Amino acid sequence: MSALEFGQFKQELKRTLGNYTAWTPKLERSLKSLGFNIESKRKHAILYYETDKKKLVFVISKTPSDKRAGLNNVGIICRALLSQK
């Protein structure tokens, strides 16, 4: 993923997760369009993202505890993707 592609990916991820308050089908579709495979559990969603080097796994709550939870998840995902370069 080039720097430009990563910037666009990060902006779209922020738009998708930035202010989510509950897990919805629309949120799931948006994440799938970004390349995530999703396994939905009872209280959490497991996001899988495949890079050239390996498969990354992220677990996010379906009902976040505060308004920053979505942005915190964006930061965790982006840091993990950057460390794969």
Protein backbone atom coordinates (compact mmCIF):
# COMPACT_ATOMS: atom_id res chain seq x y z
CA MET A 1 0.00 0.00 0.00
CA SER A 2 1.52 3.31 -1.06
CA ALA A 3 1.51 6.40 1.13
CA LEU A 4 -1.32 7.95 -0.90
CA GLU A 5 -3.41 4.77 -0.73
CA PHE A 6 -2.74 4.51 3.00
CA GLY A 7 -3.85 8.13 3.52
CA GLN A 8 -7.09 7.50 1.66
CA PHE A 9 -7.62 4.24 3.57
CA LYS A 10 -7.07 6.02 6.90
CA GLN A 11 -9.50 8.84 6.00
CA GLU A 12 -12.19 6.34 5.00
CA LEU A 13 -11.59 4.31 8.16
CA LYS A 14 -11.91 7.48 10.26
CA ARG A 15 -15.14 8.35 8.48
CA THR A 16 -16.47 4.85 9.10
CA LEU A 17 -15.38 4.27 12.71
CA GLY A 18 -14.89 7.83 13.91
CA ASN A 19 -18.26 8.30 15.54
CA TYR A 20 -19.85 4.88 15.71
CA THR A 21 -22.01 4.19 18.76
CA ALA A 22 -23.25 0.71 17.90
CA TRP A 23 -22.56 -2.07 15.43
CA THR A 24 -24.84 -1.79 12.40
CA PRO A 25 -25.14 -3.58 9.06
CA LYS A 26 -24.10 -0.33 7.34
CA LEU A 27 -20.91 -0.19 9.42
CA GLU A 28 -20.17 -3.81 8.56
CA ARG A 29 -20.65 -3.15 4.82
CA SER A 30 -18.34 -0.12 4.99
CA LEU A 31 -15.60 -2.13 6.69
CA LYS A 32 -15.96 -4.96 4.17
CA SER A 33 -15.58 -2.44 1.34
CA LEU A 34 -12.25 -1.40 2.91
CA GLY A 35 -11.00 -4.98 2.67
CA PHE A 36 -11.80 -6.38 6.10
CA ASN A 37 -13.23 -9.85 6.61
CA ILE A 38 -15.57 -9.78 9.58
CA GLU A 39 -16.60 -12.44 12.05
CA SER A 40 -19.47 -11.26 14.21
CA LYS A 41 -19.63 -12.60 17.74
CA ARG A 42 -22.15 -11.84 20.46
CA LYS A 43 -20.53 -8.72 21.96
CA HIS A 44 -17.51 -8.16 19.71
CA ALA A 45 -16.63 -8.14 16.05
CA ILE A 46 -13.38 -9.68 14.85
CA LEU A 47 -11.86 -7.88 11.88
CA TYR A 48 -9.32 -9.68 9.69
CA TYR A 49 -7.11 -7.75 7.28
CA GLU A 50 -4.61 -9.47 5.01
CA THR A 51 -1.41 -7.72 3.99
CA ASP A 52 1.37 -9.03 1.76
CA LYS A 53 3.23 -10.29 4.81
CA LYS A 54 0.54 -11.65 7.13
CA LYS A 55 -3.02 -11.61 8.36
CA LEU A 56 -3.86 -8.99 11.01
CA VAL A 57 -6.64 -9.50 13.55
CA PHE A 58 -8.49 -6.73 15.40
CA VAL A 59 -11.25 -7.16 17.98
CA ILE A 60 -13.65 -4.30 18.48
CA SER A 61 -16.65 -3.96 20.76
CA LYS A 62 -20.09 -3.86 19.20
CA THR A 63 -21.13 -1.27 21.80
CA PRO A 64 -18.20 1.06 22.48
CA SER A 65 -17.72 2.42 25.98
CA ASP A 66 -17.10 6.05 25.04
CA LYS A 67 -17.14 8.43 22.10
CA ARG A 68 -13.38 8.01 21.46
CA ALA A 69 -13.52 4.22 21.05
CA GLY A 70 -13.90 4.39 17.26
CA LEU A 71 -10.97 6.78 16.82
CA ASN A 72 -8.87 4.67 19.18
CA ASN A 73 -9.61 1.64 17.01
CA VAL A 74 -8.59 3.61 13.91
CA GLY A 75 -5.25 4.42 15.56
CA ILE A 76 -4.62 0.80 16.53
CA ILE A 77 -5.43 -0.47 13.03
CA CYS A 78 -3.30 2.18 11.28
CA ARG A 79 -0.30 1.61 13.57
CA ALA A 80 -0.50 -2.12 12.92
CA LEU A 81 -0.63 -1.56 9.16
CA LEU A 82 2.31 0.86 9.26
CA SER A 83 4.42 -1.65 11.21
CA GLN A 84 3.93 -4.16 8.35
CA LYS A 85 5.82 -2.00 5.85
